[in-house]
Amino acid sequence: MRRRVAAALAVVGLVTACATMGQWAYEKKGATPARLDHDLATCRSESLDPSVFGLTAEQRVDRTRLNRCMERKGYAVRRVE
């Protein structure tokens, strides 16, 4: 019984974490898709927070730090609803 409850709580936690991550758009005039991918990868690696629990690297990213990094690179950052 305890294992089932623990498993159910883990699933709820994962679903909640995924739902709260949201989608973000990064736009920069003249930036190619390859340049965007490179800049995102660089900023993601700079924004990883090892103190945050997450099963994937994306879940351990400090989104505020990532967005600020992208802004420093000249991108307009906006949340996509």
PDB file of N, CA and C in Angstrom:
ATOM      1  N   MET A   1       0.820  -1.192   0.000  1.00  0.00           N
ATOM      2  CA  MET A   1       0.000   0.000   0.000  1.00  0.00           C
ATOM      3  C   MET A   1       0.871   1.266   0.000  1.00  0.00           C
ATOM      4  N   ARG A   2       1.888   1.288   0.849  1.00  0.00           N
ATOM      5  CA  ARG A   2       2.747   2.469   0.923  1.00  0.00           C
ATOM      6  C   ARG A   2       3.469   2.714  -0.403  1.00  0.00           C
ATOM      7  N   ARG A   3       3.861   1.643  -1.064  1.00  0.00           N
ATOM      8  CA  ARG A   3       4.551   1.797  -2.350  1.00  0.00           C
ATOM      9  C   ARG A   3       3.635   2.423  -3.393  1.00  0.00           C
ATOM     10  N   ARG A   4       2.384   2.036  -3.383  1.00  0.00           N
ATOM     11  CA  ARG A   4       1.434   2.601  -4.342  1.00  0.00           C
ATOM     12  C   ARG A   4       1.220   4.092  -4.079  1.00  0.00           C
ATOM     13  N   VAL A   5       1.110   4.446  -2.824  1.00  0.00           N
ATOM     14  CA  VAL A   5       0.926   5.853  -2.476  1.00  0.00           C
ATOM     15  C   VAL A   5       2.164   6.650  -2.882  1.00  0.00           C
ATOM     16  N   ALA A   6       3.335   6.112  -2.582  1.00  0.00           N
ATOM     17  CA  ALA A   6       4.578   6.799  -2.943  1.00  0.00           C
ATOM     18  C   ALA A   6       4.696   6.952  -4.455  1.00  0.00           C
ATOM     19  N   ALA A   7       4.345   5.909  -5.193  1.00  0.00           N
ATOM     20  CA  ALA A   7       4.410   5.975  -6.654  1.00  0.00           C
ATOM     21  C   ALA A   7       3.410   7.000  -7.192  1.00  0.00           C
ATOM     22  N   ALA A   8       2.220   7.034  -6.628  1.00  0.00           N
ATOM     23  CA  ALA A   8       1.213   8.000  -7.066  1.00  0.00           C
ATOM     24  C   ALA A   8       1.678   9.426  -6.794  1.00  0.00           C
ATOM     25  N   LEU A   9       2.272   9.658  -5.632  1.00  0.00           N
ATOM     26  CA  LEU A   9       2.776  10.994  -5.308  1.00  0.00           C
ATOM     27  C   LEU A   9       3.914  11.404  -6.244  1.00  0.00           C
ATOM     28  N   ALA A  10       4.764  10.461  -6.589  1.00  0.00           N
ATOM     29  CA  ALA A  10       5.867  10.753  -7.508  1.00  0.00           C
ATOM     30  C   ALA A  10       5.329  11.155  -8.874  1.00  0.00           C
ATOM     31  N   VAL A  11       4.328  10.459  -9.359  1.00  0.00           N
ATOM     32  CA  VAL A  11       3.735  10.778 -10.658  1.00  0.00           C
ATOM     33  C   VAL A  11       3.090  12.163 -10.619  1.00  0.00           C
ATOM     34  N   VAL A  12       2.370  12.450  -9.549  1.00  0.00           N
ATOM     35  CA  VAL A  12       1.742  13.771  -9.421  1.00  0.00           C
ATOM     36  C   VAL A  12       2.808  14.865  -9.401  1.00  0.00           C
ATOM     37  N   GLY A  13       3.896  14.628  -8.698  1.00  0.00           N
ATOM     38  CA  GLY A  13       4.984  15.604  -8.649  1.00  0.00           C
ATOM     39  C   GLY A  13       5.601  15.851 -10.005  1.00  0.00           C
ATOM     40  N   LEU A  14       5.811  14.793 -10.769  1.00  0.00           N
ATOM     41  CA  LEU A  14       6.399  14.937 -12.106  1.00  0.00           C
ATOM     42  C   LEU A  14       5.469  15.683 -13.052  1.00  0.00           C
ATOM     43  N   VAL A  15       4.199  15.356 -12.996  1.00  0.00           N
ATOM     44  CA  VAL A  15       3.228  16.020 -13.870  1.00  0.00           C
ATOM     45  C   VAL A  15       3.151  17.506 -13.519  1.00  0.00           C
ATOM     46  N   THR A  16       3.150  17.810 -12.236  1.00  0.00           N
ATOM     47  CA  THR A  16       3.108  19.205 -11.807  1.00  0.00           C
ATOM     48  C   THR A  16       4.348  19.955 -12.268  1.00  0.00           C
ATOM     49  N   ALA A  17       5.508  19.347 -12.123  1.00  0.00           N
ATOM     50  CA  ALA A  17       6.754  19.990 -12.540  1.00  0.00           C
ATOM     51  C   ALA A  17       6.751  20.262 -14.037  1.00  0.00           C
ATOM     52  N   CYS A  18       6.291  19.322 -14.811  1.00  0.00           N
ATOM     53  CA  CYS A  18       6.255  19.501 -16.260  1.00  0.00           C
ATOM     54  C   CYS A  18       5.254  20.579 -16.663  1.00  0.00           C
ATOM     55  N   ALA A  19       4.139  20.623 -15.963  1.00  0.00           N
ATOM     56  CA  ALA A  19       3.100  21.594 -16.307  1.00  0.00           C
ATOM     57  C   ALA A  19       3.515  23.019 -15.973  1.00  0.00           C
ATOM     58  N   THR A  20       4.336  23.210 -14.959  1.00  0.00           N
ATOM     59  CA  THR A  20       4.708  24.562 -14.545  1.00  0.00           C
ATOM     60  C   THR A  20       5.916  25.104 -15.298  1.00  0.00           C
ATOM     61  N   MET A  21       6.585  24.295 -16.102  1.00  0.00           N
ATOM     62  CA  MET A  21       7.771  24.750 -16.807  1.00  0.00           C
ATOM     63  C   MET A  21       7.431  25.799 -17.855  1.00  0.00           C
ATOM     64  N   GLY A  22       6.322  25.654 -18.546  1.00  0.00           N
ATOM     65  CA  GLY A  22       5.909  26.636 -19.529  1.00  0.00           C
ATOM     66  C   GLY A  22       6.767  26.620 -20.780  1.00  0.00           C
ATOM     67  N   GLN A  23       6.329  27.397 -21.724  1.00  0.00           N
ATOM     68  CA  GLN A  23       7.029  27.522 -22.993  1.00  0.00           C
ATOM     69  C   GLN A  23       7.537  28.952 -23.129  1.00  0.00           C
ATOM     70  N   TRP A  24       8.712  29.092 -23.703  1.00  0.00           N
ATOM     71  CA  TRP A  24       9.328  30.396 -23.886  1.00  0.00           C
ATOM     72  C   TRP A  24       9.747  30.556 -25.337  1.00  0.00           C
ATOM     73  N   ALA A  25       9.682  31.781 -25.827  1.00  0.00           N
ATOM     74  CA  ALA A  25      10.112  32.095 -27.186  1.00  0.00           C
ATOM     75  C   ALA A  25      11.264  33.084 -27.108  1.00  0.00           C
ATOM     76  N   TYR A  26      12.255  32.862 -27.951  1.00  0.00           N
ATOM     77  CA  TYR A  26      13.433  33.728 -28.012  1.00  0.00           C
ATOM     78  C   TYR A  26      13.559  34.216 -29.442  1.00  0.00           C
ATOM     79  N   GLU A  27      13.509  35.532 -29.612  1.00  0.00           N
ATOM     80  CA  GLU A  27      13.551  36.104 -30.955  1.00  0.00           C
ATOM     81  C   GLU A  27      14.677  37.121 -31.051  1.00  0.00           C
ATOM     82  N   LYS A  28      15.399  37.038 -32.159  1.00  0.00           N
ATOM     83  CA  LYS A  28      16.488  37.980 -32.422  1.00  0.00           C
ATOM     84  C   LYS A  28      16.561  38.166 -33.926  1.00  0.00           C
ATOM     85  N   LYS A  29      16.472  39.400 -34.351  1.00  0.00           N
ATOM     86  CA  LYS A  29      16.504  39.685 -35.784  1.00  0.00           C
ATOM     87  C   LYS A  29      17.831  39.200 -36.373  1.00  0.00           C
ATOM     88  N   GLY A  30      17.723  38.428 -37.435  1.00  0.00           N
ATOM     89  CA  GLY A  30      18.909  37.939 -38.129  1.00  0.00           C
ATOM     90  C   GLY A  30      19.509  36.664 -37.559  1.00  0.00           C
ATOM     91  N   ALA A  31      18.964  36.170 -36.451  1.00  0.00           N
ATOM     92  CA  ALA A  31      19.508  34.940 -35.846  1.00  0.00           C
ATOM     93  C   ALA A  31      19.013  33.720 -36.631  1.00  0.00           C
ATOM     94  N   THR A  32      19.937  32.853 -36.978  1.00  0.00           N
ATOM     95  CA  THR A  32      19.575  31.620 -37.677  1.00  0.00           C
ATOM     96  C   THR A  32      19.125  30.583 -36.644  1.00  0.00           C
ATOM     97  N   PRO A  33      18.383  29.558 -37.061  1.00  0.00           N
ATOM     98  CA  PRO A  33      18.012  28.496 -36.132  1.00  0.00           C
ATOM     99  C   PRO A  33      19.238  27.842 -35.478  1.00  0.00           C
ATOM    100  N   ALA A  34      20.312  27.692 -36.245  1.00  0.00           N
ATOM    101  CA  ALA A  34      21.532  27.100 -35.684  1.00  0.00           C
ATOM    102  C   ALA A  34      22.119  27.997 -34.596  1.00  0.00           C
ATOM    103  N   ARG A  35      22.093  29.305 -34.818  1.00  0.00           N
ATOM    104  CA  ARG A  35      22.625  30.261 -33.827  1.00  0.00           C
ATOM    105  C   ARG A  35      21.763  30.232 -32.570  1.00  0.00           C
ATOM    106  N   LEU A  36      20.438  30.182 -32.746  1.00  0.00           N
ATOM    107  CA  LEU A  36      19.521  30.099 -31.607  1.00  0.00           C
ATOM    108  C   LEU A  36      19.797  28.843 -30.794  1.00  0.00           C
ATOM    109  N   ASP A  37      19.940  27.708 -31.473  1.00  0.00           N
ATOM    110  CA  ASP A  37      20.237  26.450 -30.779  1.00  0.00           C
ATOM    111  C   ASP A  37      21.548  26.538 -30.005  1.00  0.00           C
ATOM    112  N   HIS A  38      22.558  27.120 -30.617  1.00  0.00           N
ATOM    113  CA  HIS A  38      23.862  27.263 -29.960  1.00  0.00           C
ATOM    114  C   HIS A  38      23.750  28.160 -28.726  1.00  0.00           C
ATOM    115  N   ASP A  39      23.088  29.300 -28.875  1.00  0.00           N
ATOM    116  CA  ASP A  39      22.944  30.224 -27.755  1.00  0.00           C
ATOM    117  C   ASP A  39      22.113  29.613 -26.628  1.00  0.00           C
ATOM    118  N   LEU A  40      21.047  28.902 -26.981  1.00  0.00           N
ATOM    119  CA  LEU A  40      20.236  28.232 -25.953  1.00  0.00           C
ATOM    120  C   LEU A  40      21.043  27.182 -25.205  1.00  0.00           C
ATOM    121  N   ALA A  41      21.827  26.401 -25.926  1.00  0.00           N
ATOM    122  CA  ALA A  41      22.645  25.370 -25.287  1.00  0.00           C
ATOM    123  C   ALA A  41      23.662  26.002 -24.339  1.00  0.00           C
ATOM    124  N   THR A  42      24.273  27.093 -24.771  1.00  0.00           N
ATOM    125  CA  THR A  42      25.245  27.786 -23.926  1.00  0.00           C
ATOM    126  C   THR A  42      24.579  28.328 -22.665  1.00  0.00           C
ATOM    127  N   CYS A  43      23.445  28.979 -22.839  1.00  0.00           N
ATOM    128  CA  CYS A  43      22.751  29.560 -21.680  1.00  0.00           C
ATOM    129  C   CYS A  43      22.195  28.478 -20.760  1.00  0.00           C
ATOM    130  N   ARG A  44      21.714  27.378 -21.329  1.00  0.00           N
ATOM    131  CA  ARG A  44      21.223  26.278 -20.473  1.00  0.00           C
ATOM    132  C   ARG A  44      22.339  25.742 -19.592  1.00  0.00           C
ATOM    133  N   SER A  45      23.508  25.536 -20.176  1.00  0.00           N
ATOM    134  CA  SER A  45      24.610  24.984 -19.383  1.00  0.00           C
ATOM    135  C   SER A  45      25.038  25.955 -18.286  1.00  0.00           C
ATOM    136  N   GLU A  46      24.944  27.255 -18.557  1.00  0.00           N
ATOM    137  CA  GLU A  46      25.276  28.260 -17.546  1.00  0.00           C
ATOM    138  C   GLU A  46      24.187  28.385 -16.480  1.00  0.00           C
ATOM    139  N   SER A  47      22.976  27.912 -16.786  1.00  0.00           N
ATOM    140  CA  SER A  47      21.833  28.119 -15.901  1.00  0.00           C
ATOM    141  C   SER A  47      21.435  26.893 -15.093  1.00  0.00           C
ATOM    142  N   LEU A  48      22.171  25.792 -15.236  1.00  0.00           N
ATOM    143  CA  LEU A  48      21.826  24.594 -14.470  1.00  0.00           C
ATOM    144  C   LEU A  48      22.027  24.851 -12.985  1.00  0.00           C
ATOM    145  N   ASP A  49      21.047  24.456 -12.197  1.00  0.00           N
ATOM    146  CA  ASP A  49      21.099  24.620 -10.750  1.00  0.00           C
ATOM    147  C   ASP A  49      21.151  23.232 -10.124  1.00  0.00           C
ATOM    148  N   PRO A  50      22.320  22.793  -9.653  1.00  0.00           N
ATOM    149  CA  PRO A  50      22.450  21.440  -9.121  1.00  0.00           C
ATOM    150  C   PRO A  50      21.645  21.209  -7.835  1.00  0.00           C
ATOM    151  N   SER A  51      21.203  22.286  -7.183  1.00  0.00           N
ATOM    152  CA  SER A  51      20.445  22.110  -5.944  1.00  0.00           C
ATOM    153  C   SER A  51      18.967  21.828  -6.209  1.00  0.00           C
ATOM    154  N   VAL A  52      18.523  21.967  -7.465  1.00  0.00           N
ATOM    155  CA  VAL A  52      17.128  21.736  -7.817  1.00  0.00           C
ATOM    156  C   VAL A  52      16.955  20.290  -8.257  1.00  0.00           C
ATOM    157  N   PHE A  53      15.909  19.624  -7.729  1.00  0.00           N
ATOM    158  CA  PHE A  53      15.632  18.244  -8.116  1.00  0.00           C
ATOM    159  C   PHE A  53      14.928  18.237  -9.467  1.00  0.00           C
ATOM    160  N   GLY A  54      15.366  17.361 -10.326  1.00  0.00           N
ATOM    161  CA  GLY A  54      14.713  17.164 -11.610  1.00  0.00           C
ATOM    162  C   GLY A  54      15.291  15.932 -12.279  1.00  0.00           C
ATOM    163  N   LEU A  55      14.453  15.223 -12.998  1.00  0.00           N
ATOM    164  CA  LEU A  55      14.911  14.018 -13.678  1.00  0.00           C
ATOM    165  C   LEU A  55      15.680  14.337 -14.949  1.00  0.00           C
ATOM    166  N   THR A  56      15.396  15.485 -15.538  1.00  0.00           N
ATOM    167  CA  THR A  56      16.093  15.884 -16.752  1.00  0.00           C
ATOM    168  C   THR A  56      16.838  17.186 -16.496  1.00  0.00           C
ATOM    169  N   ALA A  57      17.797  17.486 -17.348  1.00  0.00           N
ATOM    170  CA  ALA A  57      18.547  18.732 -17.212  1.00  0.00           C
ATOM    171  C   ALA A  57      17.614  19.930 -17.351  1.00  0.00           C
ATOM    172  N   GLU A  58      16.623  19.829 -18.230  1.00  0.00           N
ATOM    173  CA  GLU A  58      15.679  20.938 -18.437  1.00  0.00           C
ATOM    174  C   GLU A  58      14.933  21.280 -17.147  1.00  0.00           C
ATOM    175  N   GLN A  59      14.664  20.284 -16.327  1.00  0.00           N
ATOM    176  CA  GLN A  59      13.965  20.528 -15.064  1.00  0.00           C
ATOM    177  C   GLN A  59      14.880  21.158 -14.022  1.00  0.00           C
ATOM    178  N   ARG A  60      16.183  21.111 -14.227  1.00  0.00           N
ATOM    179  CA  ARG A  60      17.129  21.692 -13.277  1.00  0.00           C
ATOM    180  C   ARG A  60      17.621  23.073 -13.702  1.00  0.00           C
ATOM    181  N   VAL A  61      17.085  23.586 -14.802  1.00  0.00           N
ATOM    182  CA  VAL A  61      17.492  24.900 -15.299  1.00  0.00           C
ATOM    183  C   VAL A  61      16.788  25.986 -14.492  1.00  0.00           C
ATOM    184  N   ASP A  62      17.561  26.977 -14.082  1.00  0.00           N
ATOM    185  CA  ASP A  62      17.000  28.171 -13.466  1.00  0.00           C
ATOM    186  C   ASP A  62      16.522  29.050 -14.614  1.00  0.00           C
ATOM    187  N   ARG A  63      15.226  29.079 -14.833  1.00  0.00           N
ATOM    188  CA  ARG A  63      14.652  29.746 -16.003  1.00  0.00           C
ATOM    189  C   ARG A  63      14.965  31.246 -16.004  1.00  0.00           C
ATOM    190  N   THR A  64      14.993  31.872 -14.840  1.00  0.00           N
ATOM    191  CA  THR A  64      15.311  33.299 -14.772  1.00  0.00           C
ATOM    192  C   THR A  64      16.732  33.555 -15.270  1.00  0.00           C
ATOM    193  N   ARG A  65      17.665  32.728 -14.834  1.00  0.00           N
ATOM    194  CA  ARG A  65      19.056  32.874 -15.290  1.00  0.00           C
ATOM    195  C   ARG A  65      19.169  32.628 -16.793  1.00  0.00           C
ATOM    196  N   LEU A  66      18.461  31.606 -17.280  1.00  0.00           N
ATOM    197  CA  LEU A  66      18.500  31.300 -18.710  1.00  0.00           C
ATOM    198  C   LEU A  66      17.968  32.474 -19.517  1.00  0.00           C
ATOM    199  N   ASN A  67      16.838  33.030 -19.105  1.00  0.00           N
ATOM    200  CA  ASN A  67      16.246  34.149 -19.839  1.00  0.00           C
ATOM    201  C   ASN A  67      17.153  35.380 -19.813  1.00  0.00           C
ATOM    202  N   ARG A  68      17.768  35.646 -18.686  1.00  0.00           N
ATOM    203  CA  ARG A  68      18.694  36.791 -18.608  1.00  0.00           C
ATOM    204  C   ARG A  68      19.898  36.580 -19.521  1.00  0.00           C
ATOM    205  N   CYS A  69      20.390  35.367 -19.579  1.00  0.00           N
ATOM    206  CA  CYS A  69      21.512  35.047 -20.460  1.00  0.00           C
ATOM    207  C   CYS A  69      21.116  35.298 -21.914  1.00  0.00           C
ATOM    208  N   MET A  70      19.932  34.854 -22.293  1.00  0.00           N
ATOM    209  CA  MET A  70      19.480  35.062 -23.670  1.00  0.00           C
ATOM    210  C   MET A  70      19.284  36.545 -23.966  1.00  0.00           C
ATOM    211  N   GLU A  71      18.799  37.304 -22.993  1.00  0.00           N
ATOM    212  CA  GLU A  71      18.652  38.747 -23.186  1.00  0.00           C
ATOM    213  C   GLU A  71      20.014  39.410 -23.381  1.00  0.00           C
ATOM    214  N   ARG A  72      21.018  38.965 -22.628  1.00  0.00           N
ATOM    215  CA  ARG A  72      22.372  39.512 -22.794  1.00  0.00           C
ATOM    216  C   ARG A  72      22.916  39.235 -24.195  1.00  0.00           C
ATOM    217  N   LYS A  73      22.440  38.159 -24.801  1.00  0.00           N
ATOM    218  CA  LYS A  73      22.882  37.810 -26.159  1.00  0.00           C
ATOM    219  C   LYS A  73      22.058  38.538 -27.225  1.00  0.00           C
ATOM    220  N   GLY A  74      21.117  39.384 -26.784  1.00  0.00           N
ATOM    221  CA  GLY A  74      20.353  40.195 -27.724  1.00  0.00           C
ATOM    222  C   GLY A  74      18.991  39.671 -28.100  1.00  0.00           C
ATOM    223  N   TYR A  75      18.508  38.617 -27.441  1.00  0.00           N
ATOM    224  CA  TYR A  75      17.207  38.042 -27.760  1.00  0.00           C
ATOM    225  C   TYR A  75      16.090  38.735 -26.986  1.00  0.00           C
ATOM    226  N   ALA A  76      14.945  38.851 -27.623  1.00  0.00           N
ATOM    227  CA  ALA A  76      13.722  39.260 -26.931  1.00  0.00           C
ATOM    228  C   ALA A  76      13.114  37.986 -26.357  1.00  0.00           C
ATOM    229  N   VAL A  77      12.826  37.995 -25.071  1.00  0.00           N
ATOM    230  CA  VAL A  77      12.321  36.803 -24.382  1.00  0.00           C
ATOM    231  C   VAL A  77      10.855  37.035 -24.044  1.00  0.00           C
ATOM    232  N   ARG A  78      10.023  36.047 -24.405  1.00  0.00           N
ATOM    233  CA  ARG A  78       8.613  36.152 -24.035  1.00  0.00           C
ATOM    234  C   ARG A  78       8.051  34.770 -23.726  1.00  0.00           C
ATOM    235  N   ARG A  79       7.103  34.763 -22.818  1.00  0.00           N
ATOM    236  CA  ARG A  79       6.444  33.513 -22.450  1.00  0.00           C
ATOM    237  C   ARG A  79       5.305  33.247 -23.429  1.00  0.00           C
ATOM    238  N   VAL A  80       5.208  32.019 -23.891  1.00  0.00           N
ATOM    239  CA  VAL A  80       4.152  31.603 -24.804  1.00  0.00           C
ATOM    240  C   VAL A  80       3.082  30.914 -23.978  1.00  0.00           C
ATOM    241  N   GLU A  81       1.882  31.429 -24.050  1.00  0.00           N
ATOM    242  CA  GLU A  81       0.773  30.870 -23.251  1.00  0.00           C
ATOM    243  C   GLU A  81       0.101  29.747 -23.984  1.00  0.00           C
TER     244      GLU A  81
END
